[in-house]
Amino acid sequence: QDEKLTGFGCANMGLIGMETALPVCLKLVGEKKLSLKRLIESLTTGPAKIFALPGGGFKKGSPADVTIFDPAREVTVQSENFSSKSRNTPWEGMKLKGKVLFTVCAGRVVWES
């Protein structure tokens, strides 16, 4: 925790909200404020293009980068269970739908629920 208590320029890299990004955005899909296609692009190919990364999708002959999720699985946001060191979330205690089950990067499972 101490490495997070420093100035912005000296702080370790991290991303608040990664654990809640999918279920919060799926809530917007359910409310018809965002299409599922746009959500998936925003979390996959969009960032890959912005950072000029080779992954972010499927290409013939290339290892797969994919996240398998259950859009109907209900989750209760509990920051104590976050993989991130950060515990800040406005969603604490909320029941949302959408659970990441697996993440595959370069053809290998790198995260499993």
PDB file of N, CA and C in Angstrom:
ATOM      1  N   GLN A   1       0.811  -1.201   0.000  1.00  0.00           N
ATOM      2  CA  GLN A   1       0.000   0.000   0.000  1.00  0.00           C
ATOM      3  C   GLN A   1       0.850   1.259   0.000  1.00  0.00           C
ATOM      4  N   ASP A   2       2.011   1.232   0.679  1.00  0.00           N
ATOM      5  CA  ASP A   2       2.835   2.433   0.787  1.00  0.00           C
ATOM      6  C   ASP A   2       3.283   2.965  -0.563  1.00  0.00           C
ATOM      7  N   GLU A   3       3.509   2.065  -1.543  1.00  0.00           N
ATOM      8  CA  GLU A   3       3.955   2.552  -2.846  1.00  0.00           C
ATOM      9  C   GLU A   3       2.870   3.341  -3.562  1.00  0.00           C
ATOM     10  N   LYS A   4       1.618   3.231  -3.121  1.00  0.00           N
ATOM     11  CA  LYS A   4       0.522   4.009  -3.702  1.00  0.00           C
ATOM     12  C   LYS A   4       0.410   5.393  -3.058  1.00  0.00           C
ATOM     13  N   LEU A   5       1.050   5.590  -1.900  1.00  0.00           N
ATOM     14  CA  LEU A   5       0.980   6.860  -1.180  1.00  0.00           C
ATOM     15  C   LEU A   5       2.144   7.758  -1.577  1.00  0.00           C
ATOM     16  N   THR A   6       2.155   8.174  -2.838  1.00  0.00           N
ATOM     17  CA  THR A   6       3.235   9.000  -3.359  1.00  0.00           C
ATOM     18  C   THR A   6       2.675   9.942  -4.419  1.00  0.00           C
ATOM     19  N   GLY A   7       3.502  10.824  -4.922  1.00  0.00           N
ATOM     20  CA  GLY A   7       3.067  11.740  -5.970  1.00  0.00           C
ATOM     21  C   GLY A   7       2.722  11.002  -7.250  1.00  0.00           C
ATOM     22  N   PHE A   8       1.897  11.607  -8.080  1.00  0.00           N
ATOM     23  CA  PHE A   8       1.422  10.973  -9.309  1.00  0.00           C
ATOM     24  C   PHE A   8       2.570  10.494 -10.188  1.00  0.00           C
ATOM     25  N   GLY A   9       3.562  11.335 -10.401  1.00  0.00           N
ATOM     26  CA  GLY A   9       4.672  10.985 -11.282  1.00  0.00           C
ATOM     27  C   GLY A   9       5.547   9.859 -10.770  1.00  0.00           C
ATOM     28  N   CYS A  10       5.490   9.597  -9.470  1.00  0.00           N
ATOM     29  CA  CYS A  10       6.328   8.559  -8.865  1.00  0.00           C
ATOM     30  C   CYS A  10       5.555   7.277  -8.554  1.00  0.00           C
ATOM     31  N   ALA A  11       4.248   7.314  -8.690  1.00  0.00           N
ATOM     32  CA  ALA A  11       3.415   6.166  -8.319  1.00  0.00           C
ATOM     33  C   ALA A  11       3.587   5.013  -9.301  1.00  0.00           C
ATOM     34  N   ASN A  12       3.484   3.788  -8.777  1.00  0.00           N
ATOM     35  CA  ASN A  12       3.497   2.607  -9.636  1.00  0.00           C
ATOM     36  C   ASN A  12       2.278   2.626 -10.544  1.00  0.00           C
ATOM     37  N   MET A  13       2.443   2.006 -11.711  1.00  0.00           N
ATOM     38  CA  MET A  13       1.331   1.956 -12.656  1.00  0.00           C
ATOM     39  C   MET A  13       0.212   1.088 -12.092  1.00  0.00           C
ATOM     40  N   GLY A  14      -1.010   1.389 -12.487  1.00  0.00           N
ATOM     41  CA  GLY A  14      -2.160   0.618 -12.054  1.00  0.00           C
ATOM     42  C   GLY A  14      -3.405   1.161 -12.709  1.00  0.00           C
ATOM     43  N   LEU A  15      -4.490   0.466 -12.556  1.00  0.00           N
ATOM     44  CA  LEU A  15      -5.737   0.889 -13.176  1.00  0.00           C
ATOM     45  C   LEU A  15      -6.889   0.629 -12.226  1.00  0.00           C
ATOM     46  N   ILE A  16      -7.433   1.687 -11.663  1.00  0.00           N
ATOM     47  CA  ILE A  16      -8.603   1.558 -10.808  1.00  0.00           C
ATOM     48  C   ILE A  16      -9.793   1.213 -11.693  1.00  0.00           C
ATOM     49  N   GLY A  17     -10.558   0.243 -11.289  1.00  0.00           N
ATOM     50  CA  GLY A  17     -11.786  -0.077 -12.006  1.00  0.00           C
ATOM     51  C   GLY A  17     -11.702  -1.256 -12.949  1.00  0.00           C
ATOM     52  N   MET A  18     -10.543  -1.889 -13.065  1.00  0.00           N
ATOM     53  CA  MET A  18     -10.436  -3.008 -13.995  1.00  0.00           C
ATOM     54  C   MET A  18     -11.376  -4.146 -13.607  1.00  0.00           C
ATOM     55  N   GLU A  19     -11.500  -4.427 -12.322  1.00  0.00           N
ATOM     56  CA  GLU A  19     -12.374  -5.519 -11.885  1.00  0.00           C
ATOM     57  C   GLU A  19     -13.850  -5.226 -12.114  1.00  0.00           C
ATOM     58  N   THR A  20     -14.209  -3.957 -12.197  1.00  0.00           N
ATOM     59  CA  THR A  20     -15.625  -3.596 -12.362  1.00  0.00           C
ATOM     60  C   THR A  20     -15.966  -3.109 -13.766  1.00  0.00           C
ATOM     61  N   ALA A  21     -14.975  -2.961 -14.636  1.00  0.00           N
ATOM     62  CA  ALA A  21     -15.221  -2.398 -15.974  1.00  0.00           C
ATOM     63  C   ALA A  21     -16.284  -3.173 -16.741  1.00  0.00           C
ATOM     64  N   LEU A  22     -16.162  -4.492 -16.810  1.00  0.00           N
ATOM     65  CA  LEU A  22     -17.120  -5.278 -17.591  1.00  0.00           C
ATOM     66  C   LEU A  22     -18.536  -5.199 -17.025  1.00  0.00           C
ATOM     67  N   PRO A  23     -18.770  -5.505 -15.752  1.00  0.00           N
ATOM     68  CA  PRO A  23     -20.151  -5.455 -15.269  1.00  0.00           C
ATOM     69  C   PRO A  23     -20.766  -4.054 -15.299  1.00  0.00           C
ATOM     70  N   VAL A  24     -19.978  -3.023 -15.038  1.00  0.00           N
ATOM     71  CA  VAL A  24     -20.511  -1.656 -15.092  1.00  0.00           C
ATOM     72  C   VAL A  24     -20.898  -1.305 -16.529  1.00  0.00           C
ATOM     73  N   CYS A  25     -20.049  -1.660 -17.481  1.00  0.00           N
ATOM     74  CA  CYS A  25     -20.358  -1.369 -18.890  1.00  0.00           C
ATOM     75  C   CYS A  25     -21.507  -2.232 -19.404  1.00  0.00           C
ATOM     76  N   LEU A  26     -21.611  -3.473 -18.926  1.00  0.00           N
ATOM     77  CA  LEU A  26     -22.746  -4.313 -19.321  1.00  0.00           C
ATOM     78  C   LEU A  26     -24.061  -3.734 -18.806  1.00  0.00           C
ATOM     79  N   LYS A  27     -24.003  -3.027 -17.684  1.00  0.00           N
ATOM     80  CA  LYS A  27     -25.193  -2.329 -17.179  1.00  0.00           C
ATOM     81  C   LYS A  27     -25.637  -1.287 -18.202  1.00  0.00           C
ATOM     82  N   LEU A  28     -24.684  -0.577 -18.805  1.00  0.00           N
ATOM     83  CA  LEU A  28     -24.999   0.406 -19.849  1.00  0.00           C
ATOM     84  C   LEU A  28     -25.576  -0.269 -21.088  1.00  0.00           C
ATOM     85  N   VAL A  29     -25.087  -1.466 -21.402  1.00  0.00           N
ATOM     86  CA  VAL A  29     -25.636  -2.227 -22.533  1.00  0.00           C
ATOM     87  C   VAL A  29     -27.091  -2.586 -22.236  1.00  0.00           C
ATOM     88  N   GLY A  30     -27.357  -3.055 -21.024  1.00  0.00           N
ATOM     89  CA  GLY A  30     -28.721  -3.405 -20.619  1.00  0.00           C
ATOM     90  C   GLY A  30     -29.669  -2.224 -20.649  1.00  0.00           C
ATOM     91  N   GLU A  31     -29.135  -1.036 -20.384  1.00  0.00           N
ATOM     92  CA  GLU A  31     -29.950   0.189 -20.404  1.00  0.00           C
ATOM     93  C   GLU A  31     -30.020   0.805 -21.805  1.00  0.00           C
ATOM     94  N   LYS A  32     -29.456   0.110 -22.808  1.00  0.00           N
ATOM     95  CA  LYS A  32     -29.456   0.569 -24.217  1.00  0.00           C
ATOM     96  C   LYS A  32     -28.692   1.882 -24.407  1.00  0.00           C
ATOM     97  N   LYS A  33     -27.733   2.147 -23.540  1.00  0.00           N
ATOM     98  CA  LYS A  33     -26.902   3.349 -23.659  1.00  0.00           C
ATOM     99  C   LYS A  33     -25.596   3.050 -24.389  1.00  0.00           C
ATOM    100  N   LEU A  34     -25.313   1.761 -24.591  1.00  0.00           N
ATOM    101  CA  LEU A  34     -24.094   1.315 -25.234  1.00  0.00           C
ATOM    102  C   LEU A  34     -24.390  -0.019 -25.902  1.00  0.00           C
ATOM    103  N   SER A  35     -23.909  -0.208 -27.127  1.00  0.00           N
ATOM    104  CA  SER A  35     -24.123  -1.497 -27.793  1.00  0.00           C
ATOM    105  C   SER A  35     -23.068  -2.493 -27.310  1.00  0.00           C
ATOM    106  N   LEU A  36     -23.415  -3.775 -27.338  1.00  0.00           N
ATOM    107  CA  LEU A  36     -22.470  -4.809 -26.933  1.00  0.00           C
ATOM    108  C   LEU A  36     -21.252  -4.791 -27.857  1.00  0.00           C
ATOM    109  N   LYS A  37     -21.480  -4.560 -29.141  1.00  0.00           N
ATOM    110  CA  LYS A  37     -20.378  -4.487 -30.112  1.00  0.00           C
ATOM    111  C   LYS A  37     -19.399  -3.373 -29.726  1.00  0.00           C
ATOM    112  N   ARG A  38     -19.922  -2.203 -29.412  1.00  0.00           N
ATOM    113  CA  ARG A  38     -19.067  -1.061 -29.041  1.00  0.00           C
ATOM    114  C   ARG A  38     -18.326  -1.338 -27.729  1.00  0.00           C
ATOM    115  N   LEU A  39     -19.003  -1.966 -26.777  1.00  0.00           N
ATOM    116  CA  LEU A  39     -18.359  -2.320 -25.509  1.00  0.00           C
ATOM    117  C   LEU A  39     -17.169  -3.238 -25.756  1.00  0.00           C
ATOM    118  N   ILE A  40     -17.382  -4.286 -26.535  1.00  0.00           N
ATOM    119  CA  ILE A  40     -16.311  -5.247 -26.798  1.00  0.00           C
ATOM    120  C   ILE A  40     -15.154  -4.572 -27.525  1.00  0.00           C
ATOM    121  N   GLU A  41     -15.456  -3.737 -28.517  1.00  0.00           N
ATOM    122  CA  GLU A  41     -14.395  -2.992 -29.216  1.00  0.00           C
ATOM    123  C   GLU A  41     -13.619  -2.102 -28.242  1.00  0.00           C
ATOM    124  N   SER A  42     -14.329  -1.460 -27.330  1.00  0.00           N
ATOM    125  CA  SER A  42     -13.699  -0.528 -26.387  1.00  0.00           C
ATOM    126  C   SER A  42     -12.766  -1.219 -25.397  1.00  0.00           C
ATOM    127  N   LEU A  43     -13.023  -2.482 -25.123  1.00  0.00           N
ATOM    128  CA  LEU A  43     -12.196  -3.215 -24.164  1.00  0.00           C
ATOM    129  C   LEU A  43     -11.160  -4.121 -24.827  1.00  0.00           C
ATOM    130  N   THR A  44     -11.197  -4.236 -26.164  1.00  0.00           N
ATOM    131  CA  THR A  44     -10.295  -5.175 -26.840  1.00  0.00           C
ATOM    132  C   THR A  44      -9.487  -4.506 -27.947  1.00  0.00           C
ATOM    133  N   THR A  45     -10.063  -4.428 -29.126  1.00  0.00           N
ATOM    134  CA  THR A  45      -9.321  -3.911 -30.282  1.00  0.00           C
ATOM    135  C   THR A  45      -9.004  -2.428 -30.158  1.00  0.00           C
ATOM    136  N   GLY A  46      -9.866  -1.664 -29.499  1.00  0.00           N
ATOM    137  CA  GLY A  46      -9.623  -0.226 -29.327  1.00  0.00           C
ATOM    138  C   GLY A  46      -8.321   0.060 -28.594  1.00  0.00           C
ATOM    139  N   PRO A  47      -8.141  -0.465 -27.381  1.00  0.00           N
ATOM    140  CA  PRO A  47      -6.879  -0.233 -26.667  1.00  0.00           C
ATOM    141  C   PRO A  47      -5.667  -0.802 -27.416  1.00  0.00           C
ATOM    142  N   ALA A  48      -5.834  -1.956 -28.074  1.00  0.00           N
ATOM    143  CA  ALA A  48      -4.712  -2.535 -28.829  1.00  0.00           C
ATOM    144  C   ALA A  48      -4.262  -1.583 -29.929  1.00  0.00           C
ATOM    145  N   LYS A  49      -5.216  -0.952 -30.601  1.00  0.00           N
ATOM    146  CA  LYS A  49      -4.872   0.010 -31.659  1.00  0.00           C
ATOM    147  C   LYS A  49      -4.215   1.258 -31.073  1.00  0.00           C
ATOM    148  N   ILE A  50      -4.774   1.794 -29.999  1.00  0.00           N
ATOM    149  CA  ILE A  50      -4.235   3.013 -29.380  1.00  0.00           C
ATOM    150  C   ILE A  50      -2.778   2.826 -28.964  1.00  0.00           C
ATOM    151  N   PHE A  51      -2.475   1.668 -28.384  1.00  0.00           N
ATOM    152  CA  PHE A  51      -1.117   1.417 -27.899  1.00  0.00           C
ATOM    153  C   PHE A  51      -0.258   0.660 -28.913  1.00  0.00           C
ATOM    154  N   ALA A  52      -0.762   0.529 -30.136  1.00  0.00           N
ATOM    155  CA  ALA A  52      -0.037  -0.150 -31.220  1.00  0.00           C
ATOM    156  C   ALA A  52       0.429  -1.544 -30.808  1.00  0.00           C
ATOM    157  N   LEU A  53      -0.471  -2.284 -30.160  1.00  0.00           N
ATOM    158  CA  LEU A  53      -0.169  -3.646 -29.737  1.00  0.00           C
ATOM    159  C   LEU A  53      -0.645  -4.625 -30.807  1.00  0.00           C
ATOM    160  N   PRO A  54       0.050  -5.733 -30.985  1.00  0.00           N
ATOM    161  CA  PRO A  54      -0.337  -6.676 -32.024  1.00  0.00           C
ATOM    162  C   PRO A  54      -1.587  -7.487 -31.690  1.00  0.00           C
ATOM    163  N   GLY A  55      -1.950  -7.596 -30.426  1.00  0.00           N
ATOM    164  CA  GLY A  55      -3.088  -8.422 -30.029  1.00  0.00           C
ATOM    165  C   GLY A  55      -4.403  -7.683 -30.065  1.00  0.00           C
ATOM    166  N   GLY A  56      -5.347  -8.193 -29.295  1.00  0.00           N
ATOM    167  CA  GLY A  56      -6.647  -7.543 -29.201  1.00  0.00           C
ATOM    168  C   GLY A  56      -7.718  -8.200 -30.032  1.00  0.00           C
ATOM    169  N   GLY A  57      -7.415  -9.328 -30.635  1.00  0.00           N
ATOM    170  CA  GLY A  57      -8.436  -9.975 -31.453  1.00  0.00           C
ATOM    171  C   GLY A  57      -7.969 -11.299 -32.012  1.00  0.00           C
ATOM    172  N   PHE A  58      -8.651 -11.722 -33.081  1.00  0.00           N
ATOM    173  CA  PHE A  58      -8.342 -12.982 -33.751  1.00  0.00           C
ATOM    174  C   PHE A  58      -7.791 -12.695 -35.141  1.00  0.00           C
ATOM    175  N   LYS A  59      -6.688 -13.342 -35.476  1.00  0.00           N
ATOM    176  CA  LYS A  59      -6.139 -13.275 -36.826  1.00  0.00           C
ATOM    177  C   LYS A  59      -5.664 -14.674 -37.191  1.00  0.00           C
ATOM    178  N   LYS A  60      -5.960 -15.082 -38.400  1.00  0.00           N
ATOM    179  CA  LYS A  60      -5.546 -16.397 -38.863  1.00  0.00           C
ATOM    180  C   LYS A  60      -4.031 -16.540 -38.717  1.00  0.00           C
ATOM    181  N   GLY A  61      -3.612 -17.640 -38.082  1.00  0.00           N
ATOM    182  CA  GLY A  61      -2.193 -17.909 -37.903  1.00  0.00           C
ATOM    183  C   GLY A  61      -1.569 -17.258 -36.682  1.00  0.00           C
ATOM    184  N   SER A  62      -2.333 -16.452 -35.959  1.00  0.00           N
ATOM    185  CA  SER A  62      -1.820 -15.792 -34.755  1.00  0.00           C
ATOM    186  C   SER A  62      -2.450 -16.406 -33.515  1.00  0.00           C
ATOM    187  N   PRO A  63      -1.709 -16.424 -32.397  1.00  0.00           N
ATOM    188  CA  PRO A  63      -2.309 -16.914 -31.150  1.00  0.00           C
ATOM    189  C   PRO A  63      -3.490 -16.032 -30.742  1.00  0.00           C
ATOM    190  N   ALA A  64      -4.471 -16.653 -30.154  1.00  0.00           N
ATOM    191  CA  ALA A  64      -5.689 -15.930 -29.772  1.00  0.00           C
ATOM    192  C   ALA A  64      -5.490 -15.102 -28.510  1.00  0.00           C
ATOM    193  N   ASP A  65      -6.060 -13.893 -28.531  1.00  0.00           N
ATOM    194  CA  ASP A  65      -6.219 -13.066 -27.337  1.00  0.00           C
ATOM    195  C   ASP A  65      -7.720 -12.948 -27.146  1.00  0.00           C
ATOM    196  N   VAL A  66      -8.226 -13.494 -26.057  1.00  0.00           N
ATOM    197  CA  VAL A  66      -9.676 -13.502 -25.872  1.00  0.00           C
ATOM    198  C   VAL A  66     -10.010 -13.548 -24.384  1.00  0.00           C
ATOM    199  N   THR A  67     -11.130 -12.948 -24.047  1.00  0.00           N
ATOM    200  CA  THR A  67     -11.659 -13.028 -22.689  1.00  0.00           C
ATOM    201  C   THR A  67     -13.027 -13.687 -22.770  1.00  0.00           C
ATOM    202  N   ILE A  68     -13.211 -14.731 -21.999  1.00  0.00           N
ATOM    203  CA  ILE A  68     -14.487 -15.443 -21.942  1.00  0.00           C
ATOM    204  C   ILE A  68     -15.227 -14.917 -20.722  1.00  0.00           C
ATOM    205  N   PHE A  69     -16.480 -14.468 -20.937  1.00  0.00           N
ATOM    206  CA  PHE A  69     -17.251 -13.941 -19.813  1.00  0.00           C
ATOM    207  C   PHE A  69     -18.686 -14.420 -19.879  1.00  0.00           C
ATOM    208  N   ASP A  70     -19.330 -14.405 -18.735  1.00  0.00           N
ATOM    209  CA  ASP A  70     -20.743 -14.758 -18.613  1.00  0.00           C
ATOM    210  C   ASP A  70     -21.495 -13.464 -18.343  1.00  0.00           C
ATOM    211  N   PRO A  71     -22.239 -12.951 -19.341  1.00  0.00           N
ATOM    212  CA  PRO A  71     -22.922 -11.669 -19.170  1.00  0.00           C
ATOM    213  C   PRO A  71     -24.092 -11.724 -18.190  1.00  0.00           C
ATOM    214  N   ALA A  72     -24.563 -12.930 -17.869  1.00  0.00           N
ATOM    215  CA  ALA A  72     -25.716 -13.057 -16.975  1.00  0.00           C
ATOM    216  C   ALA A  72     -25.322 -13.348 -15.528  1.00  0.00           C
ATOM    217  N   ARG A  73     -24.073 -13.695 -15.279  1.00  0.00           N
ATOM    218  CA  ARG A  73     -23.632 -14.054 -13.930  1.00  0.00           C
ATOM    219  C   ARG A  73     -23.654 -12.830 -13.038  1.00  0.00           C
ATOM    220  N   GLU A  74     -24.384 -12.917 -11.929  1.00  0.00           N
ATOM    221  CA  GLU A  74     -24.469 -11.794 -10.994  1.00  0.00           C
ATOM    222  C   GLU A  74     -23.248 -11.785 -10.082  1.00  0.00           C
ATOM    223  N   VAL A  75     -22.714 -10.591  -9.888  1.00  0.00           N
ATOM    224  CA  VAL A  75     -21.580 -10.409  -8.984  1.00  0.00           C
ATOM    225  C   VAL A  75     -21.903  -9.278  -8.014  1.00  0.00           C
ATOM    226  N   THR A  76     -21.407  -9.400  -6.808  1.00  0.00           N
ATOM    227  CA  THR A  76     -21.495  -8.317  -5.839  1.00  0.00           C
ATOM    228  C   THR A  76     -20.098  -7.728  -5.716  1.00  0.00           C
ATOM    229  N   VAL A  77     -19.975  -6.436  -5.953  1.00  0.00           N
ATOM    230  CA  VAL A  77     -18.669  -5.779  -5.918  1.00  0.00           C
ATOM    231  C   VAL A  77     -18.170  -5.742  -4.477  1.00  0.00           C
ATOM    232  N   GLN A  78     -17.007  -6.359  -4.265  1.00  0.00           N
ATOM    233  CA  GLN A  78     -16.357  -6.375  -2.952  1.00  0.00           C
ATOM    234  C   GLN A  78     -14.879  -6.068  -3.174  1.00  0.00           C
ATOM    235  N   SER A  79     -14.487  -4.852  -2.864  1.00  0.00           N
ATOM    236  CA  SER A  79     -13.117  -4.424  -3.141  1.00  0.00           C
ATOM    237  C   SER A  79     -12.075  -5.287  -2.437  1.00  0.00           C
ATOM    238  N   GLU A  80     -12.436  -5.909  -1.342  1.00  0.00           N
ATOM    239  CA  GLU A  80     -11.486  -6.773  -0.630  1.00  0.00           C
ATOM    240  C   GLU A  80     -11.059  -7.965  -1.488  1.00  0.00           C
ATOM    241  N   ASN A  81     -11.852  -8.296  -2.516  1.00  0.00           N
ATOM    242  CA  ASN A  81     -11.532  -9.417  -3.398  1.00  0.00           C
ATOM    243  C   ASN A  81     -10.818  -8.991  -4.681  1.00  0.00           C
ATOM    244  N   PHE A  82     -10.540  -7.713  -4.854  1.00  0.00           N
ATOM    245  CA  PHE A  82      -9.877  -7.222  -6.062  1.00  0.00           C
ATOM    246  C   PHE A  82      -8.455  -7.777  -6.154  1.00  0.00           C
ATOM    247  N   SER A  83      -8.020  -8.054  -7.359  1.00  0.00           N
ATOM    248  CA  SER A  83      -6.622  -8.427  -7.600  1.00  0.00           C
ATOM    249  C   SER A  83      -5.733  -7.199  -7.490  1.00  0.00           C
ATOM    250  N   SER A  84      -6.284  -6.051  -7.835  1.00  0.00           N
ATOM    251  CA  SER A  84      -5.570  -4.779  -7.777  1.00  0.00           C
ATOM    252  C   SER A  84      -5.228  -4.423  -6.332  1.00  0.00           C
ATOM    253  N   LYS A  85      -4.176  -3.632  -6.159  1.00  0.00           N
ATOM    254  CA  LYS A  85      -3.840  -3.135  -4.826  1.00  0.00           C
ATOM    255  C   LYS A  85      -4.800  -2.037  -4.394  1.00  0.00           C
ATOM    256  N   SER A  86      -5.455  -1.423  -5.358  1.00  0.00           N
ATOM    257  CA  SER A  86      -6.388  -0.342  -5.054  1.00  0.00           C
ATOM    258  C   SER A  86      -7.701  -0.912  -4.523  1.00  0.00           C
ATOM    259  N   ARG A  87      -8.277  -0.246  -3.588  1.00  0.00           N
ATOM    260  CA  ARG A  87      -9.564  -0.667  -3.020  1.00  0.00           C
ATOM    261  C   ARG A  87     -10.629   0.408  -3.222  1.00  0.00           C
ATOM    262  N   ASN A  88     -10.322   1.424  -4.014  1.00  0.00           N
ATOM    263  CA  ASN A  88     -11.281   2.506  -4.260  1.00  0.00           C
ATOM    264  C   ASN A  88     -12.295   2.075  -5.307  1.00  0.00           C
ATOM    265  N   THR A  89     -13.569   2.130  -4.978  1.00  0.00           N
ATOM    266  CA  THR A  89     -14.606   1.847  -5.959  1.00  0.00           C
ATOM    267  C   THR A  89     -15.920   2.480  -5.521  1.00  0.00           C
ATOM    268  N   PRO A  90     -16.597   3.149  -6.446  1.00  0.00           N
ATOM    269  CA  PRO A  90     -17.916   3.686  -6.117  1.00  0.00           C
ATOM    270  C   PRO A  90     -18.991   2.606  -6.169  1.00  0.00           C
ATOM    271  N   TRP A  91     -18.609   1.406  -6.601  1.00  0.00           N
ATOM    272  CA  TRP A  91     -19.582   0.325  -6.801  1.00  0.00           C
ATOM    273  C   TRP A  91     -19.642  -0.639  -5.618  1.00  0.00           C
ATOM    274  N   GLU A  92     -18.902  -0.383  -4.550  1.00  0.00           N
ATOM    275  CA  GLU A  92     -18.841  -1.283  -3.395  1.00  0.00           C
ATOM    276  C   GLU A  92     -20.240  -1.719  -2.965  1.00  0.00           C
ATOM    277  N   GLY A  93     -20.433  -3.046  -2.887  1.00  0.00           N
ATOM    278  CA  GLY A  93     -21.696  -3.613  -2.428  1.00  0.00           C
ATOM    279  C   GLY A  93     -22.777  -3.735  -3.495  1.00  0.00           C
ATOM    280  N   MET A  94     -22.562  -3.145  -4.673  1.00  0.00           N
ATOM    281  CA  MET A  94     -23.580  -3.217  -5.734  1.00  0.00           C
ATOM    282  C   MET A  94     -23.623  -4.607  -6.347  1.00  0.00           C
ATOM    283  N   LYS A  95     -24.828  -5.020  -6.715  1.00  0.00           N
ATOM    284  CA  LYS A  95     -25.009  -6.261  -7.463  1.00  0.00           C
ATOM    285  C   LYS A  95     -25.075  -5.887  -8.941  1.00  0.00           C
ATOM    286  N   LEU A  96     -24.168  -6.470  -9.723  1.00  0.00           N
ATOM    287  CA  LEU A  96     -24.087  -6.208 -11.157  1.00  0.00           C
ATOM    288  C   LEU A  96     -24.042  -7.538 -11.891  1.00  0.00           C
ATOM    289  N   LYS A  97     -24.256  -7.497 -13.190  1.00  0.00           N
ATOM    290  CA  LYS A  97     -24.176  -8.719 -13.996  1.00  0.00           C
ATOM    291  C   LYS A  97     -22.986  -8.632 -14.929  1.00  0.00           C
ATOM    292  N   GLY A  98     -22.292  -9.769 -15.052  1.00  0.00           N
ATOM    293  CA  GLY A  98     -21.146  -9.866 -15.938  1.00  0.00           C
ATOM    294  C   GLY A  98     -19.918 -10.307 -15.178  1.00  0.00           C
ATOM    295  N   LYS A  99     -19.442 -11.504 -15.491  1.00  0.00           N
ATOM    296  CA  LYS A  99     -18.297 -12.073 -14.769  1.00  0.00           C
ATOM    297  C   LYS A  99     -17.289 -12.612 -15.772  1.00  0.00           C
ATOM    298  N   VAL A 100     -16.049 -12.143 -15.678  1.00  0.00           N
ATOM    299  CA  VAL A 100     -14.977 -12.686 -16.509  1.00  0.00           C
ATOM    300  C   VAL A 100     -14.618 -14.064 -15.964  1.00  0.00           C
ATOM    301  N   LEU A 101     -14.571 -15.055 -16.858  1.00  0.00           N
ATOM    302  CA  LEU A 101     -14.262 -16.420 -16.455  1.00  0.00           C
ATOM    303  C   LEU A 101     -12.816 -16.803 -16.770  1.00  0.00           C
ATOM    304  N   PHE A 102     -12.354 -16.437 -17.975  1.00  0.00           N
ATOM    305  CA  PHE A 102     -10.995 -16.745 -18.425  1.00  0.00           C
ATOM    306  C   PHE A 102     -10.459 -15.599 -19.264  1.00  0.00           C
ATOM    307  N   THR A 103      -9.158 -15.404 -19.221  1.00  0.00           N
ATOM    308  CA  THR A 103      -8.477 -14.514 -20.156  1.00  0.00           C
ATOM    309  C   THR A 103      -7.356 -15.315 -20.798  1.00  0.00           C
ATOM    310  N   VAL A 104      -7.341 -15.293 -22.133  1.00  0.00           N
ATOM    311  CA  VAL A 104      -6.327 -15.995 -22.912  1.00  0.00           C
ATOM    312  C   VAL A 104      -5.498 -14.939 -23.630  1.00  0.00           C
ATOM    313  N   CYS A 105      -4.197 -15.007 -23.482  1.00  0.00           N
ATOM    314  CA  CYS A 105      -3.285 -14.061 -24.135  1.00  0.00           C
ATOM    315  C   CYS A 105      -2.201 -14.866 -24.848  1.00  0.00           C
ATOM    316  N   ALA A 106      -2.023 -14.568 -26.123  1.00  0.00           N
ATOM    317  CA  ALA A 106      -1.041 -15.293 -26.943  1.00  0.00           C
ATOM    318  C   ALA A 106      -1.292 -16.795 -26.889  1.00  0.00           C
ATOM    319  N   GLY A 107      -2.573 -17.173 -26.836  1.00  0.00           N
ATOM    320  CA  GLY A 107      -2.949 -18.578 -26.856  1.00  0.00           C
ATOM    321  C   GLY A 107      -2.829 -19.305 -25.533  1.00  0.00           C
ATOM    322  N   ARG A 108      -2.478 -18.593 -24.443  1.00  0.00           N
ATOM    323  CA  ARG A 108      -2.337 -19.221 -23.125  1.00  0.00           C
ATOM    324  C   ARG A 108      -3.320 -18.617 -22.138  1.00  0.00           C
ATOM    325  N   VAL A 109      -3.914 -19.450 -21.275  1.00  0.00           N
ATOM    326  CA  VAL A 109      -4.782 -18.943 -20.214  1.00  0.00           C
ATOM    327  C   VAL A 109      -3.885 -18.221 -19.212  1.00  0.00           C
ATOM    328  N   VAL A 110      -4.139 -16.914 -19.033  1.00  0.00           N
ATOM    329  CA  VAL A 110      -3.324 -16.117 -18.108  1.00  0.00           C
ATOM    330  C   VAL A 110      -4.104 -15.705 -16.864  1.00  0.00           C
ATOM    331  N   TRP A 111      -5.422 -15.877 -16.911  1.00  0.00           N
ATOM    332  CA  TRP A 111      -6.240 -15.581 -15.735  1.00  0.00           C
ATOM    333  C   TRP A 111      -7.475 -16.458 -15.772  1.00  0.00           C
ATOM    334  N   GLU A 112      -7.829 -17.011 -14.618  1.00  0.00           N
ATOM    335  CA  GLU A 112      -9.010 -17.866 -14.506  1.00  0.00           C
ATOM    336  C   GLU A 112      -9.733 -17.527 -13.218  1.00  0.00           C
ATOM    337  N   SER A 113     -11.048 -17.385 -13.325  1.00  0.00           N
ATOM    338  CA  SER A 113     -11.869 -17.022 -12.169  1.00  0.00           C
ATOM    339  C   SER A 113     -11.966 -18.190 -11.208  1.00  0.00           C
TER     340      SER A 113
END
